[in-house]
């Protein structure tokens, strides 16, 4: 189980990245939205897409959920 967050600010390609609380690339507290505690990144990504349709997993902490 891990806590997941989504970056409120989109990347250059429009993606809002989903990160775990332990990720080295976790955005500043004011630049992230708490998603909840999940067993994998897949339900976290589903939750993120409720807020930001174009969400994607972080390359470093959520690679199975990375689509591009």
C-alpha atoms as a PDB file:
ATOM      1  CA  UNK A   1       0.000   0.000   0.000  1.00  0.00           C
ATOM      2  CA  UNK A   2       1.218   3.452  -0.843  1.00  0.00           C
ATOM      3  CA  UNK A   3      -0.082   7.009  -0.752  1.00  0.00           C
ATOM      4  CA  UNK A   4      -0.500   8.512  -4.217  1.00  0.00           C
ATOM      5  CA  UNK A   5      -0.624  12.073  -5.490  1.00  0.00           C
ATOM      6  CA  UNK A   6      -1.159  13.715  -8.857  1.00  0.00           C
ATOM      7  CA  UNK A   7       0.729  16.764 -10.021  1.00  0.00           C
ATOM      8  CA  UNK A   8      -1.656  19.734 -10.369  1.00  0.00           C
ATOM      9  CA  UNK A   9       0.621  21.166 -13.078  1.00  0.00           C
ATOM     10  CA  UNK A  10       0.752  19.419 -16.421  1.00  0.00           C
ATOM     11  CA  UNK A  11       4.019  18.375 -18.040  1.00  0.00           C
ATOM     12  CA  UNK A  12       5.015  19.857 -21.406  1.00  0.00           C
ATOM     13  CA  UNK A  13       2.885  17.197 -23.152  1.00  0.00           C
ATOM     14  CA  UNK A  14      -0.235  17.851 -21.063  1.00  0.00           C
ATOM     15  CA  UNK A  15       0.153  14.863 -18.706  1.00  0.00           C
ATOM     16  CA  UNK A  16      -0.504  15.194 -14.984  1.00  0.00           C
ATOM     17  CA  UNK A  17       1.865  12.671 -13.422  1.00  0.00           C
ATOM     18  CA  UNK A  18       0.867  10.284 -10.639  1.00  0.00           C
ATOM     19  CA  UNK A  19       3.497   9.815  -7.898  1.00  0.00           C
ATOM     20  CA  UNK A  20       3.896   7.847  -4.684  1.00  0.00           C
ATOM     21  CA  UNK A  21       4.597   9.726  -1.459  1.00  0.00           C
ATOM     22  CA  UNK A  22       8.174   8.356  -1.513  1.00  0.00           C
ATOM     23  CA  UNK A  23       8.985   9.491  -5.057  1.00  0.00           C
ATOM     24  CA  UNK A  24      12.030  11.726  -5.493  1.00  0.00           C
ATOM     25  CA  UNK A  25      10.015  13.675  -8.093  1.00  0.00           C
ATOM     26  CA  UNK A  26       6.943  14.254  -5.912  1.00  0.00           C
ATOM     27  CA  UNK A  27       5.799  17.848  -6.485  1.00  0.00           C
ATOM     28  CA  UNK A  28       5.741  20.502  -3.775  1.00  0.00           C
ATOM     29  CA  UNK A  29       2.787  20.247  -1.376  1.00  0.00           C
ATOM     30  CA  UNK A  30       1.016  23.153  -3.134  1.00  0.00           C
ATOM     31  CA  UNK A  31       1.463  21.542  -6.554  1.00  0.00           C
ATOM     32  CA  UNK A  32      -0.027  18.135  -5.813  1.00  0.00           C
ATOM     33  CA  UNK A  33      -3.421  16.620  -5.114  1.00  0.00           C
ATOM     34  CA  UNK A  34      -3.798  13.704  -2.704  1.00  0.00           C
ATOM     35  CA  UNK A  35      -5.440  10.710  -4.362  1.00  0.00           C
ATOM     36  CA  UNK A  36      -5.489   8.188  -1.514  1.00  0.00           C
ATOM     37  CA  UNK A  37      -3.880   4.912  -0.471  1.00  0.00           C
ATOM     38  CA  UNK A  38      -3.804   2.155  -3.084  1.00  0.00           C
ATOM     39  CA  UNK A  39      -2.155  -1.241  -3.545  1.00  0.00           C
ATOM     40  CA  UNK A  40      -0.883  -0.356  -7.046  1.00  0.00           C
ATOM     41  CA  UNK A  41      -0.662   2.653  -9.332  1.00  0.00           C
ATOM     42  CA  UNK A  42      -3.599   1.510 -11.489  1.00  0.00           C
ATOM     43  CA  UNK A  43      -6.426   2.544  -9.127  1.00  0.00           C
ATOM     44  CA  UNK A  44      -4.475   5.714  -8.309  1.00  0.00           C
ATOM     45  CA  UNK A  45      -4.304   6.547 -12.008  1.00  0.00           C
ATOM     46  CA  UNK A  46      -8.040   5.906 -12.329  1.00  0.00           C
ATOM     47  CA  UNK A  47      -8.670   8.332  -9.465  1.00  0.00           C
ATOM     48  CA  UNK A  48      -6.317  10.921 -10.982  1.00  0.00           C
ATOM     49  CA  UNK A  49      -8.246  10.813 -14.256  1.00  0.00           C
ATOM     50  CA  UNK A  50     -11.372  11.923 -12.392  1.00  0.00           C
ATOM     51  CA  UNK A  51      -9.541  15.215 -11.806  1.00  0.00           C
ATOM     52  CA  UNK A  52      -7.268  15.411 -14.838  1.00  0.00           C
ATOM     53  CA  UNK A  53      -8.322  13.396 -17.886  1.00  0.00           C
ATOM     54  CA  UNK A  54      -4.770  13.342 -19.232  1.00  0.00           C
ATOM     55  CA  UNK A  55      -2.979  11.671 -16.317  1.00  0.00           C
ATOM     56  CA  UNK A  56      -0.042   9.285 -16.538  1.00  0.00           C
ATOM     57  CA  UNK A  57       2.186   7.314 -14.188  1.00  0.00           C
ATOM     58  CA  UNK A  58       5.556   8.706 -13.138  1.00  0.00           C
ATOM     59  CA  UNK A  59       8.452   7.089 -15.010  1.00  0.00           C
ATOM     60  CA  UNK A  60      10.348   6.614 -11.721  1.00  0.00           C
ATOM     61  CA  UNK A  61       7.769   5.523  -9.136  1.00  0.00           C
ATOM     62  CA  UNK A  62       4.807   4.270 -11.207  1.00  0.00           C
ATOM     63  CA  UNK A  63       6.301   2.813 -14.412  1.00  0.00           C
ATOM     64  CA  UNK A  64       3.595   0.141 -14.912  1.00  0.00           C
ATOM     65  CA  UNK A  65       1.071   2.992 -15.304  1.00  0.00           C
ATOM     66  CA  UNK A  66       3.197   4.976 -17.735  1.00  0.00           C
ATOM     67  CA  UNK A  67       1.643   5.016 -21.204  1.00  0.00           C
ATOM     68  CA  UNK A  68       3.996   7.341 -23.060  1.00  0.00           C
END
